[in-house]
C-alpha atoms as a PDB file:
ATOM      1  CA  MET A   1      27.359 -10.199  10.344  1.00  0.00           C
ATOM      2  CA  THR A   2      26.695 -10.298  14.074  1.00  0.00           C
ATOM      3  CA  ASP A   3      29.409 -10.971  16.612  1.00  0.00           C
ATOM      4  CA  GLN A   4      27.543 -14.106  17.728  1.00  0.00           C
ATOM      5  CA  LEU A   5      27.393 -15.634  14.234  1.00  0.00           C
ATOM      6  CA  ARG A   6      30.725 -15.652  12.440  1.00  0.00           C
ATOM      7  CA  PRO A   7      30.984 -15.968   8.622  1.00  0.00           C
ATOM      8  CA  GLU A   8      31.817 -19.676   8.681  1.00  0.00           C
ATOM      9  CA  ALA A   9      28.862 -20.488  10.927  1.00  0.00           C
ATOM     10  CA  PHE A  10      26.564 -18.241   8.892  1.00  0.00           C
ATOM     11  CA  ARG A  11      27.434 -20.085   5.696  1.00  0.00           C
ATOM     12  CA  GLN A  12      27.134 -23.533   7.287  1.00  0.00           C
ATOM     13  CA  ARG A  13      23.765 -22.820   8.912  1.00  0.00           C
ATOM     14  CA  LEU A  14      22.397 -21.313   5.706  1.00  0.00           C
ATOM     15  CA  ASN A  15      23.596 -24.333   3.731  1.00  0.00           C
ATOM     16  CA  GLU A  16      21.880 -26.681   6.176  1.00  0.00           C
ATOM     17  CA  TYR A  17      18.679 -24.622   6.059  1.00  0.00           C
ATOM     18  CA  LEU A  18      18.578 -24.652   2.243  1.00  0.00           C
ATOM     19  CA  GLU A  19      19.037 -28.406   2.183  1.00  0.00           C
ATOM     20  CA  ALA A  20      16.224 -28.846   4.707  1.00  0.00           C
ATOM     21  CA  VAL A  21      13.671 -26.657   2.926  1.00  0.00           C
ATOM     22  CA  SER A  22      14.565 -27.759  -0.615  1.00  0.00           C
ATOM     23  CA  GLY A  23      14.871 -31.449   0.206  1.00  0.00           C
ATOM     24  CA  ARG A  24      18.029 -31.847  -1.846  1.00  0.00           C
ATOM     25  CA  PRO A  25      21.819 -31.664  -1.361  1.00  0.00           C
ATOM     26  CA  VAL A  26      23.055 -28.075  -1.679  1.00  0.00           C
ATOM     27  CA  THR A  27      26.502 -26.523  -1.780  1.00  0.00           C
ATOM     28  CA  ILE A  28      26.839 -22.767  -1.376  1.00  0.00           C
ATOM     29  CA  THR A  29      29.558 -21.700  -3.803  1.00  0.00           C
ATOM     30  CA  ALA A  30      29.546 -17.964  -3.003  1.00  0.00           C
ATOM     31  CA  LEU A  31      27.993 -15.665  -0.409  1.00  0.00           C
ATOM     32  CA  GLU A  32      28.296 -11.961  -1.171  1.00  0.00           C
ATOM     33  CA  PRO A  33      26.827  -8.914   0.610  1.00  0.00           C
ATOM     34  CA  LEU A  34      24.616  -6.809  -1.650  1.00  0.00           C
ATOM     35  CA  PRO A  35      25.011  -3.017  -1.759  1.00  0.00           C
ATOM     36  CA  GLY A  36      22.222  -0.537  -1.158  1.00  0.00           C
ATOM     37  CA  GLY A  37      19.395  -0.521   1.314  1.00  0.00           C
ATOM     38  CA  SER A  38      19.586   0.253   5.008  1.00  0.00           C
ATOM     39  CA  SER A  39      16.596  -1.660   6.340  1.00  0.00           C
ATOM     40  CA  ARG A  40      17.862  -5.224   5.881  1.00  0.00           C
ATOM     41  CA  ASP A  41      21.073  -7.249   5.717  1.00  0.00           C
ATOM     42  CA  SER A  42      21.075  -8.523   2.108  1.00  0.00           C
ATOM     43  CA  TRP A  43      23.144 -11.326   0.543  1.00  0.00           C
ATOM     44  CA  LEU A  44      23.540 -12.869  -2.890  1.00  0.00           C
ATOM     45  CA  VAL A  45      23.671 -16.639  -2.447  1.00  0.00           C
ATOM     46  CA  SER A  46      25.175 -18.697  -5.280  1.00  0.00           C
ATOM     47  CA  LEU A  47      24.657 -22.435  -4.905  1.00  0.00           C
ATOM     48  CA  ARG A  48      24.897 -25.706  -6.731  1.00  0.00           C
ATOM     49  CA  SER A  49      22.693 -28.767  -6.411  1.00  0.00           C
ATOM     50  CA  GLY A  50      23.876 -31.625  -8.549  1.00  0.00           C
ATOM     51  CA  ASP A  51      24.558 -30.188 -12.006  1.00  0.00           C
ATOM     52  CA  ALA A  52      22.231 -27.213 -11.488  1.00  0.00           C
ATOM     53  CA  ALA A  53      23.479 -23.765 -10.472  1.00  0.00           C
ATOM     54  CA  GLU A  54      21.180 -21.220  -8.892  1.00  0.00           C
ATOM     55  CA  LYS A  55      21.263 -17.722  -7.405  1.00  0.00           C
ATOM     56  CA  LEU A  56      19.098 -16.531  -4.536  1.00  0.00           C
ATOM     57  CA  VAL A  57      18.815 -13.371  -2.457  1.00  0.00           C
ATOM     58  CA  LEU A  58      18.593 -13.512   1.331  1.00  0.00           C
ATOM     59  CA  ARG A  59      17.294 -10.517   3.311  1.00  0.00           C
ATOM     60  CA  ARG A  60      17.776 -10.692   7.072  1.00  0.00           C
ATOM     61  CA  ASP A  61      16.544  -8.410   9.841  1.00  0.00           C
ATOM     62  CA  LEU A  62      18.954  -6.000  11.477  1.00  0.00           C
ATOM     63  CA  ALA A  63      18.944  -5.274  15.210  1.00  0.00           C
ATOM     64  CA  THR A  64      16.906  -2.087  14.754  1.00  0.00           C
ATOM     65  CA  ALA A  65      14.226  -0.935  12.304  1.00  0.00           C
ATOM     66  CA  ALA A  66      13.615   2.298  10.437  1.00  0.00           C
ATOM     67  CA  ASP A  67       9.869   2.094  11.018  1.00  0.00           C
ATOM     68  CA  ASP A  68       7.972   0.312  13.783  1.00  0.00           C
ATOM     69  CA  ARG A  69       5.210  -0.484  11.288  1.00  0.00           C
ATOM     70  CA  ALA A  70       7.511  -2.367   8.903  1.00  0.00           C
ATOM     71  CA  LEU A  71       6.278  -5.860   8.075  1.00  0.00           C
ATOM     72  CA  GLU A  72       7.715  -8.998   9.619  1.00  0.00           C
ATOM     73  CA  ARG A  73       9.497 -11.391   7.260  1.00  0.00           C
ATOM     74  CA  ASP A  74       6.554 -13.809   7.025  1.00  0.00           C
ATOM     75  CA  GLN A  75       4.227 -10.899   6.231  1.00  0.00           C
ATOM     76  CA  GLU A  76       6.527  -9.491   3.557  1.00  0.00           C
ATOM     77  CA  PHE A  77       6.756 -12.994   2.088  1.00  0.00           C
ATOM     78  CA  LYS A  78       2.951 -13.225   1.807  1.00  0.00           C
ATOM     79  CA  VAL A  79       2.726  -9.820   0.128  1.00  0.00           C
ATOM     80  CA  MET A  80       5.393 -10.832  -2.388  1.00  0.00           C
ATOM     81  CA  GLN A  81       3.565 -14.114  -3.002  1.00  0.00           C
ATOM     82  CA  ALA A  82       0.375 -12.215  -3.794  1.00  0.00           C
ATOM     83  CA  ALA A  83       2.185  -9.794  -6.100  1.00  0.00           C
ATOM     84  CA  HIS A  84       4.047 -12.590  -7.879  1.00  0.00           C
ATOM     85  CA  ALA A  85       0.861 -14.618  -8.315  1.00  0.00           C
ATOM     86  CA  ALA A  86      -0.791 -11.553  -9.857  1.00  0.00           C
ATOM     87  CA  GLY A  87       1.941 -11.407 -12.498  1.00  0.00           C
ATOM     88  CA  LEU A  88       3.707  -8.332 -11.162  1.00  0.00           C
ATOM     89  CA  LYS A  89       7.431  -7.895 -11.720  1.00  0.00           C
ATOM     90  CA  VAL A  90       8.570  -9.130  -8.314  1.00  0.00           C
ATOM     91  CA  PRO A  91      11.179 -11.780  -7.499  1.00  0.00           C
ATOM     92  CA  ARG A  92       9.586 -15.129  -6.697  1.00  0.00           C
ATOM     93  CA  PRO A  93       9.640 -15.578  -2.904  1.00  0.00           C
ATOM     94  CA  ARG A  94      10.978 -19.000  -1.964  1.00  0.00           C
ATOM     95  CA  TRP A  95      11.141 -19.382   1.806  1.00  0.00           C
ATOM     96  CA  TYR A  96      10.972 -17.410   5.021  1.00  0.00           C
ATOM     97  CA  CYS A  97      12.092 -18.141   8.553  1.00  0.00           C
ATOM     98  CA  THR A  98      10.964 -16.329  11.697  1.00  0.00           C
ATOM     99  CA  GLU A  99      13.081 -18.505  14.007  1.00  0.00           C
ATOM    100  CA  PRO A 100      16.031 -16.302  15.059  1.00  0.00           C
ATOM    101  CA  LEU A 101      18.161 -19.270  16.137  1.00  0.00           C
ATOM    102  CA  ILE A 102      18.821 -20.275  12.507  1.00  0.00           C
ATOM    103  CA  LEU A 103      20.679 -17.146  11.343  1.00  0.00           C
ATOM    104  CA  ASP A 104      20.387 -14.990  14.481  1.00  0.00           C
ATOM    105  CA  ALA A 105      17.446 -13.051  12.978  1.00  0.00           C
ATOM    106  CA  PRO A 106      14.324 -13.667  10.856  1.00  0.00           C
ATOM    107  CA  PHE A 107      14.935 -13.724   7.086  1.00  0.00           C
ATOM    108  CA  VAL A 108      13.322 -14.231   3.710  1.00  0.00           C
ATOM    109  CA  ILE A 109      14.820 -15.874   0.607  1.00  0.00           C
ATOM    110  CA  MET A 110      13.765 -15.088  -2.959  1.00  0.00           C
ATOM    111  CA  ASP A 111      14.935 -15.694  -6.507  1.00  0.00           C
ATOM    112  CA  PHE A 112      17.744 -13.506  -7.792  1.00  0.00           C
ATOM    113  CA  ILE A 113      16.807 -11.480 -10.854  1.00  0.00           C
ATOM    114  CA  GLU A 114      19.148  -9.404 -12.984  1.00  0.00           C
ATOM    115  CA  GLY A 115      19.186  -5.643 -12.959  1.00  0.00           C
ATOM    116  CA  TYR A 116      20.832  -2.488 -11.676  1.00  0.00           C
ATOM    117  CA  SER A 117      19.231  -1.183  -8.493  1.00  0.00           C
ATOM    118  CA  LEU A 118      21.576   1.531  -7.230  1.00  0.00           C
ATOM    119  CA  GLY A 119      20.069   4.907  -8.066  1.00  0.00           C
ATOM    120  CA  VAL A 120      23.278   6.369  -9.437  1.00  0.00           C
ATOM    121  CA  ASP A 121      23.474   3.484 -11.919  1.00  0.00           C
ATOM    122  CA  VAL A 122      19.844   3.746 -12.982  1.00  0.00           C
ATOM    123  CA  VAL A 123      20.007   7.488 -13.715  1.00  0.00           C
ATOM    124  CA  ASP A 124      23.535   7.645 -15.214  1.00  0.00           C
ATOM    125  CA  ARG A 125      24.598   4.437 -16.982  1.00  0.00           C
ATOM    126  CA  PRO A 126      24.715   4.989 -20.776  1.00  0.00           C
ATOM    127  CA  GLU A 127      23.555   1.431 -21.477  1.00  0.00           C
ATOM    128  CA  LEU A 128      20.309   2.178 -19.606  1.00  0.00           C
ATOM    129  CA  ALA A 129      19.319   5.153 -21.781  1.00  0.00           C
ATOM    130  CA  ASP A 130      16.580   3.199 -23.594  1.00  0.00           C
ATOM    131  CA  ALA A 131      15.424   1.774 -20.268  1.00  0.00           C
ATOM    132  CA  ARG A 132      15.031   5.266 -18.800  1.00  0.00           C
ATOM    133  CA  ALA A 133      12.805   6.189 -21.734  1.00  0.00           C
ATOM    134  CA  ALA A 134      10.619   3.135 -21.094  1.00  0.00           C
ATOM    135  CA  LEU A 135      10.470   3.256 -17.293  1.00  0.00           C
ATOM    136  CA  PRO A 136       7.738   5.901 -16.795  1.00  0.00           C
ATOM    137  CA  GLU A 137       5.259   3.789 -18.795  1.00  0.00           C
ATOM    138  CA  GLN A 138       6.382   0.495 -17.247  1.00  0.00           C
ATOM    139  CA  LEU A 139       6.348   1.786 -13.682  1.00  0.00           C
ATOM    140  CA  GLY A 140       3.046   3.599 -14.061  1.00  0.00           C
ATOM    141  CA  GLU A 141       1.462   0.365 -15.280  1.00  0.00           C
ATOM    142  CA  GLN A 142       3.016  -1.730 -12.499  1.00  0.00           C
ATOM    143  CA  LEU A 143       1.981   0.699  -9.762  1.00  0.00           C
ATOM    144  CA  ALA A 144      -1.600   0.716 -11.036  1.00  0.00           C
ATOM    145  CA  ARG A 145      -1.619  -3.082 -10.793  1.00  0.00           C
ATOM    146  CA  ILE A 146      -0.204  -2.961  -7.247  1.00  0.00           C
ATOM    147  CA  HIS A 147      -2.985  -0.588  -6.204  1.00  0.00           C
ATOM    148  CA  ALA A 148      -5.567  -2.883  -7.800  1.00  0.00           C
ATOM    149  CA  LEU A 149      -4.573  -5.913  -5.690  1.00  0.00           C
ATOM    150  CA  ASP A 150      -7.330  -6.844  -3.244  1.00  0.00           C
ATOM    151  CA  PRO A 151      -5.727  -7.447   0.195  1.00  0.00           C
ATOM    152  CA  ASN A 152      -8.736  -9.437   1.430  1.00  0.00           C
ATOM    153  CA  ALA A 153      -8.597 -11.805  -1.531  1.00  0.00           C
ATOM    154  CA  HIS A 154      -4.961 -12.598  -0.766  1.00  0.00           C
ATOM    155  CA  GLY A 155      -5.202 -12.948   3.026  1.00  0.00           C
ATOM    156  CA  LEU A 156      -3.322  -9.722   3.712  1.00  0.00           C
ATOM    157  CA  ASP A 157      -5.508  -8.588   6.606  1.00  0.00           C
ATOM    158  CA  PHE A 158      -2.385  -7.916   8.714  1.00  0.00           C
ATOM    159  CA  LEU A 159      -1.354  -4.871   6.673  1.00  0.00           C
ATOM    160  CA  PRO A 160      -1.085  -1.568   8.582  1.00  0.00           C
ATOM    161  CA  ALA A 161      -3.999   0.766   7.811  1.00  0.00           C
ATOM    162  CA  PRO A 162      -5.258   4.171   8.913  1.00  0.00           C
ATOM    163  CA  ARG A 163      -6.990   3.977  12.285  1.00  0.00           C
ATOM    164  CA  PRO A 164     -10.767   4.400  12.420  1.00  0.00           C
ATOM    165  CA  GLY A 165     -11.632   8.067  12.135  1.00  0.00           C
ATOM    166  CA  PHE A 166      -8.261   8.914  10.528  1.00  0.00           C
ATOM    167  CA  SER A 167      -7.817   9.660   6.847  1.00  0.00           C
ATOM    168  CA  PRO A 168      -4.571   8.363   5.283  1.00  0.00           C
ATOM    169  CA  ALA A 169      -3.167  11.909   5.461  1.00  0.00           C
ATOM    170  CA  GLN A 170      -4.075  12.318   9.125  1.00  0.00           C
ATOM    171  CA  GLU A 171      -2.550   8.920   9.888  1.00  0.00           C
ATOM    172  CA  ALA A 172       0.677   9.869   8.109  1.00  0.00           C
ATOM    173  CA  LEU A 173       0.993  13.104  10.069  1.00  0.00           C
ATOM    174  CA  ALA A 174       0.244  11.334  13.355  1.00  0.00           C
ATOM    175  CA  GLN A 175       3.077   8.901  12.614  1.00  0.00           C
ATOM    176  CA  VAL A 176       5.475  11.796  11.971  1.00  0.00           C
ATOM    177  CA  ARG A 177       4.527  13.375  15.288  1.00  0.00           C
ATOM    178  CA  ALA A 178       5.043  10.051  17.074  1.00  0.00           C
ATOM    179  CA  GLN A 179       8.495   9.595  15.527  1.00  0.00           C
ATOM    180  CA  LEU A 180       9.577  13.098  16.519  1.00  0.00           C
ATOM    181  CA  LEU A 181       8.334  12.558  20.070  1.00  0.00           C
ATOM    182  CA  LYS A 182      10.188   9.245  20.300  1.00  0.00           C
ATOM    183  CA  LEU A 183      13.391  10.899  19.055  1.00  0.00           C
ATOM    184  CA  GLY A 184      12.949  13.888  21.357  1.00  0.00           C
ATOM    185  CA  VAL A 185      13.358  16.245  18.392  1.00  0.00           C
ATOM    186  CA  TYR A 186      11.848  19.732  18.599  1.00  0.00           C
ATOM    187  CA  ASN A 187      12.441  21.533  15.319  1.00  0.00           C
ATOM    188  CA  PRO A 188      10.571  24.646  14.115  1.00  0.00           C
ATOM    189  CA  ILE A 189      10.752  23.495  10.476  1.00  0.00           C
ATOM    190  CA  PHE A 190       9.046  20.211  11.327  1.00  0.00           C
ATOM    191  CA  ALA A 191       6.476  22.086  13.410  1.00  0.00           C
ATOM    192  CA  PHE A 192       5.764  24.412  10.491  1.00  0.00           C
ATOM    193  CA  GLY A 193       5.528  21.553   8.000  1.00  0.00           C
ATOM    194  CA  LEU A 194       3.127  19.613  10.204  1.00  0.00           C
ATOM    195  CA  ARG A 195       0.974  22.678  10.787  1.00  0.00           C
ATOM    196  CA  TRP A 196       0.870  23.500   7.076  1.00  0.00           C
ATOM    197  CA  ALA A 197      -0.115  19.920   6.212  1.00  0.00           C
ATOM    198  CA  GLU A 198      -2.788  19.776   8.897  1.00  0.00           C
ATOM    199  CA  THR A 199      -4.399  22.945   7.545  1.00  0.00           C
ATOM    200  CA  HIS A 200      -4.250  21.808   3.900  1.00  0.00           C
ATOM    201  CA  LEU A 201      -5.524  18.228   4.162  1.00  0.00           C
ATOM    202  CA  PRO A 202      -6.879  16.925   0.850  1.00  0.00           C
ATOM    203  CA  ALA A 203     -10.266  15.276   0.637  1.00  0.00           C
ATOM    204  CA  ALA A 204     -10.097  11.609   1.576  1.00  0.00           C
ATOM    205  CA  GLY A 205      -9.861   9.467  -1.556  1.00  0.00           C
ATOM    206  CA  ARG A 206      -9.389   5.802  -2.337  1.00  0.00           C
ATOM    207  CA  VAL A 207      -7.670   3.477   0.106  1.00  0.00           C
ATOM    208  CA  THR A 208      -5.668   0.755  -1.635  1.00  0.00           C
ATOM    209  CA  LEU A 209      -2.733  -1.540  -1.094  1.00  0.00           C
ATOM    210  CA  LEU A 210       0.502   0.489  -1.301  1.00  0.00           C
ATOM    211  CA  HIS A 211       4.027  -0.681  -2.030  1.00  0.00           C
ATOM    212  CA  GLY A 212       5.157   1.855   0.573  1.00  0.00           C
ATOM    213  CA  ASP A 213       8.645   2.511  -0.823  1.00  0.00           C
ATOM    214  CA  PHE A 214       8.059   2.798  -4.555  1.00  0.00           C
ATOM    215  CA  ARG A 215      11.126   4.638  -5.879  1.00  0.00           C
ATOM    216  CA  VAL A 216      14.328   4.447  -7.872  1.00  0.00           C
ATOM    217  CA  GLY A 217      16.609   2.299  -5.737  1.00  0.00           C
ATOM    218  CA  ASN A 218      13.929  -0.372  -5.307  1.00  0.00           C
ATOM    219  CA  PHE A 219      13.610  -1.073  -9.036  1.00  0.00           C
ATOM    220  CA  LEU A 220      15.789  -3.613 -10.852  1.00  0.00           C
ATOM    221  CA  VAL A 221      16.574  -2.200 -14.286  1.00  0.00           C
ATOM    222  CA  THR A 222      18.184  -3.826 -17.322  1.00  0.00           C
ATOM    223  CA  PRO A 223      18.841  -2.258 -20.754  1.00  0.00           C
ATOM    224  CA  ASP A 224      15.330  -3.434 -21.695  1.00  0.00           C
ATOM    225  CA  GLY A 225      13.729  -1.571 -18.796  1.00  0.00           C
ATOM    226  CA  LEU A 226      12.061  -2.669 -15.569  1.00  0.00           C
ATOM    227  CA  ASN A 227      12.899  -6.213 -14.507  1.00  0.00           C
ATOM    228  CA  GLY A 228      11.720  -6.253 -10.897  1.00  0.00           C
ATOM    229  CA  ILE A 229      10.347  -4.335  -7.916  1.00  0.00           C
ATOM    230  CA  VAL A 230      11.856  -5.162  -4.525  1.00  0.00           C
ATOM    231  CA  ASP A 231      11.718  -4.161  -0.836  1.00  0.00           C
ATOM    232  CA  TRP A 232       8.071  -4.737   0.089  1.00  0.00           C
ATOM    233  CA  GLU A 233       8.505  -4.459   3.865  1.00  0.00           C
ATOM    234  CA  PHE A 234       6.709  -1.092   4.049  1.00  0.00           C
ATOM    235  CA  CYS A 235       3.607  -2.317   2.235  1.00  0.00           C
ATOM    236  CA  ARG A 236       0.395  -1.018   3.858  1.00  0.00           C
ATOM    237  CA  LEU A 237      -3.059   0.357   3.101  1.00  0.00           C
ATOM    238  CA  GLY A 238      -3.363   4.034   2.264  1.00  0.00           C
ATOM    239  CA  ASP A 239      -3.987   6.707  -0.339  1.00  0.00           C
ATOM    240  CA  PRO A 240      -2.497   5.623  -3.715  1.00  0.00           C
ATOM    241  CA  LEU A 241      -1.235   9.200  -4.165  1.00  0.00           C
ATOM    242  CA  GLU A 242       1.301   8.415  -1.416  1.00  0.00           C
ATOM    243  CA  ASP A 243       3.091   5.935  -3.692  1.00  0.00           C
ATOM    244  CA  LEU A 244       2.881   8.239  -6.716  1.00  0.00           C
ATOM    245  CA  ALA A 245       4.317  11.188  -4.800  1.00  0.00           C
ATOM    246  CA  TRP A 246       6.991   9.139  -3.005  1.00  0.00           C
ATOM    247  CA  ALA A 247       8.492   8.146  -6.353  1.00  0.00           C
ATOM    248  CA  CYS A 248       8.987  11.844  -7.134  1.00  0.00           C
ATOM    249  CA  LEU A 249      10.869  13.007  -4.012  1.00  0.00           C
ATOM    250  CA  ARG A 250      14.070  14.919  -4.733  1.00  0.00           C
ATOM    251  CA  ASP A 251      16.056  12.455  -2.614  1.00  0.00           C
ATOM    252  CA  TRP A 252      15.533   9.747  -5.261  1.00  0.00           C
ATOM    253  CA  ARG A 253      16.811  11.820  -8.210  1.00  0.00           C
ATOM    254  CA  TYR A 254      20.502  11.105  -7.582  1.00  0.00           C
ATOM    255  CA  GLY A 255      21.886  14.370  -8.840  1.00  0.00           C
ATOM    256  CA  ARG A 256      19.347  14.896 -11.646  1.00  0.00           C
ATOM    257  CA  GLY A 257      17.053  17.245  -9.786  1.00  0.00           C
ATOM    258  CA  MET A 258      15.442  18.660 -12.924  1.00  0.00           C
ATOM    259  CA  LEU A 259      13.845  15.260 -13.661  1.00  0.00           C
ATOM    260  CA  ARG A 260      11.120  15.036 -11.043  1.00  0.00           C
ATOM    261  CA  PHE A 261      10.343  11.360 -11.523  1.00  0.00           C
ATOM    262  CA  GLY A 262      13.323   9.625  -9.967  1.00  0.00           C
ATOM    263  CA  GLY A 263      15.962  11.499 -11.944  1.00  0.00           C
ATOM    264  CA  ILE A 264      14.904   9.642 -15.094  1.00  0.00           C
ATOM    265  CA  ALA A 265      11.963  11.620 -16.515  1.00  0.00           C
ATOM    266  CA  ARG A 266       9.469  14.402 -15.985  1.00  0.00           C
ATOM    267  CA  ARG A 267       6.594  13.575 -13.657  1.00  0.00           C
ATOM    268  CA  GLU A 268       3.765  13.875 -16.166  1.00  0.00           C
ATOM    269  CA  PRO A 269       4.552  10.840 -18.409  1.00  0.00           C
ATOM    270  CA  PHE A 270       4.611   8.631 -15.296  1.00  0.00           C
ATOM    271  CA  LEU A 271       1.289  10.018 -14.053  1.00  0.00           C
ATOM    272  CA  GLN A 272      -0.352   9.656 -17.458  1.00  0.00           C
ATOM    273  CA  ALA A 273       0.825   6.032 -17.718  1.00  0.00           C
ATOM    274  CA  TYR A 274      -0.666   5.360 -14.281  1.00  0.00           C
ATOM    275  CA  GLU A 275      -3.954   6.973 -15.304  1.00  0.00           C
ATOM    276  CA  ARG A 276      -4.165   4.863 -18.475  1.00  0.00           C
ATOM    277  CA  ALA A 277      -3.478   1.637 -16.582  1.00  0.00           C
ATOM    278  CA  SER A 278      -5.665   2.365 -13.551  1.00  0.00           C
ATOM    279  CA  GLY A 279      -8.555   4.201 -15.146  1.00  0.00           C
ATOM    280  CA  GLN A 280      -8.220   6.759 -12.334  1.00  0.00           C
ATOM    281  CA  THR A 281      -7.602  10.492 -12.673  1.00  0.00           C
ATOM    282  CA  VAL A 282      -4.719  11.747 -10.541  1.00  0.00           C
ATOM    283  CA  ASP A 283      -5.513  14.940  -8.632  1.00  0.00           C
ATOM    284  CA  ARG A 284      -2.308  16.929  -9.227  1.00  0.00           C
ATOM    285  CA  GLN A 285      -2.984  19.346  -6.357  1.00  0.00           C
ATOM    286  CA  ALA A 286      -3.507  16.498  -3.882  1.00  0.00           C
ATOM    287  CA  LEU A 287      -0.403  14.832  -5.295  1.00  0.00           C
ATOM    288  CA  ASP A 288       1.606  17.996  -4.539  1.00  0.00           C
ATOM    289  CA  PHE A 289       0.359  17.777  -0.937  1.00  0.00           C
ATOM    290  CA  TRP A 290       1.628  14.204  -0.689  1.00  0.00           C
ATOM    291  CA  GLU A 291       5.012  15.183  -2.121  1.00  0.00           C
ATOM    292  CA  ILE A 292       5.350  17.820   0.609  1.00  0.00           C
ATOM    293  CA  VAL A 293       4.343  15.272   3.254  1.00  0.00           C
ATOM    294  CA  GLY A 294       6.707  12.754   1.666  1.00  0.00           C
ATOM    295  CA  ASN A 295       9.643  15.126   2.125  1.00  0.00           C
ATOM    296  CA  LEU A 296       8.550  15.719   5.713  1.00  0.00           C
ATOM    297  CA  ARG A 297       8.400  11.996   6.403  1.00  0.00           C
ATOM    298  CA  ARG A 298      11.711  11.352   4.668  1.00  0.00           C
ATOM    299  CA  ALA A 299      13.384  14.158   6.672  1.00  0.00           C
ATOM    300  CA  VAL A 300      12.241  12.564   9.920  1.00  0.00           C
ATOM    301  CA  THR A 301      13.151   9.063   8.725  1.00  0.00           C
ATOM    302  CA  CYS A 302      16.717  10.225   8.086  1.00  0.00           C
ATOM    303  CA  LEU A 303      16.948  11.231  11.742  1.00  0.00           C
ATOM    304  CA  VAL A 304      15.520   7.839  12.749  1.00  0.00           C
ATOM    305  CA  GLN A 305      18.163   6.111  10.623  1.00  0.00           C
ATOM    306  CA  ALA A 306      20.948   8.136  12.218  1.00  0.00           C
ATOM    307  CA  ASP A 307      19.583   7.320  15.673  1.00  0.00           C
ATOM    308  CA  ARG A 308      19.885   3.605  14.903  1.00  0.00           C
ATOM    309  CA  HIS A 309      23.645   4.202  14.675  1.00  0.00           C
ATOM    310  CA  LEU A 310      23.942   6.732  17.491  1.00  0.00           C
ATOM    311  CA  SER A 311      22.013   4.490  19.881  1.00  0.00           C
ATOM    312  CA  GLY A 312      24.483   1.667  19.248  1.00  0.00           C
ATOM    313  CA  GLY A 313      21.762  -0.631  17.921  1.00  0.00           C
ATOM    314  CA  ASP A 314      23.164  -0.888  14.369  1.00  0.00           C
ATOM    315  CA  ILE A 315      26.627   0.645  14.021  1.00  0.00           C
ATOM    316  CA  SER A 316      26.816   1.881  10.432  1.00  0.00           C
ATOM    317  CA  VAL A 317      28.527   4.783   8.696  1.00  0.00           C
ATOM    318  CA  GLU A 318      25.726   4.729   6.118  1.00  0.00           C
ATOM    319  CA  LEU A 319      23.051   5.156   8.794  1.00  0.00           C
ATOM    320  CA  ALA A 320      25.073   7.886  10.490  1.00  0.00           C
ATOM    321  CA  SER A 321      25.475   9.790   7.232  1.00  0.00           C
ATOM    322  CA  LEU A 322      21.726   9.779   6.583  1.00  0.00           C
ATOM    323  CA  GLY A 323      21.178  12.124   9.516  1.00  0.00           C
ATOM    324  CA  ARG A 324      22.694  15.082   7.677  1.00  0.00           C
ATOM    325  CA  ARG A 325      20.433  14.413   4.690  1.00  0.00           C
ATOM    326  CA  SER A 326      17.430  15.427   6.792  1.00  0.00           C
ATOM    327  CA  ALA A 327      18.246  19.111   6.235  1.00  0.00           C
ATOM    328  CA  GLU A 328      18.017  18.633   2.453  1.00  0.00           C
ATOM    329  CA  MET A 329      14.497  17.202   2.716  1.00  0.00           C
ATOM    330  CA  GLN A 330      13.463  19.963   5.110  1.00  0.00           C
ATOM    331  CA  LEU A 331      14.618  22.555   2.574  1.00  0.00           C
ATOM    332  CA  GLU A 332      12.777  20.797  -0.245  1.00  0.00           C
ATOM    333  CA  MET A 333       9.610  20.691   1.838  1.00  0.00           C
ATOM    334  CA  LEU A 334       9.827  24.440   2.460  1.00  0.00           C
ATOM    335  CA  ARG A 335      10.512  25.100  -1.235  1.00  0.00           C
ATOM    336  CA  LEU A 336       7.438  23.109  -2.293  1.00  0.00           C
ATOM    337  CA  ILE A 337       5.241  24.827   0.292  1.00  0.00           C
ATOM    338  CA  ASP A 338       6.457  28.194  -0.984  1.00  0.00           C
ATOM    339  CA  GLU A 339       5.520  27.128  -4.534  1.00  0.00           C
ATOM    340  CA  GLN A 340       1.967  26.546  -3.332  1.00  0.00           C
ATOM    341  CA  GLY A 341       1.698  30.216  -2.402  1.00  0.00           C
ATOM    342  CA  VAL A 342      -0.602  29.420   0.521  1.00  0.00           C
END
């Protein structure tokens, strides 16, 4: 909560906004901060209108951003609308507001859906054992459907895309260089990783819509399996192998490093499910390249997150703690490069 907008005012303004957009009397009965996530300020909103009770989720911008190319709230809303209309497992988006005077920052409101999202819960809870067995198939199928969405057919022409003359891999590496320059970080491990990637670029493949942050932590999981995919603010156009590899980074395994796919399964069942649903063959060698680049990007992003705290823009112990995680991703990147033997 910002210093300018105290809890009482936040609740009152939100209540008034919900009445205005829904066209009915509304009483907020509970307003609770949601755990997890460092890119947005998230709240569970319980409300009553007449005899009907309802739960919504509000996600509001913070003062700083982890990525300059992250979508605005109205853009994220449109992506979620397209995904929901296509029958994907995404919470139904309800409203968005880009006027900062309402709640001091732009926000989006969506339906609340049940499920565990915290990675440690997804990989460890005994009651989710059957879900973990089902998730590789479910997530492979959902990701194939995300990649099949036609951005032009859904009016998503605002999505970030590789610049003309840049392959998705070249664009990704250029973004890493730009982030390091902005941070003023000069690190021999990053220099080595960038040089390795630039000399081992895969052949340019398909360019599709990407979720952009497809990983354990952004999946809502019940004992029956996948119930929802959230956090669409990094959606963009790129190589579909980016999404596949991102889901396999060590940072999303939550202590179960031997299970390459998000700490819940081996990588291969997930890839095979994706291949069955998409009709595309996954180039494992190119996928390994993207996993190395994913660790490089995640290592730099951790420094960006820490800088959001250190700069005073968003004071947060969580953001500060992410800075030390960068070393873990750097080590993983070096380990994977060593495995390549080139």
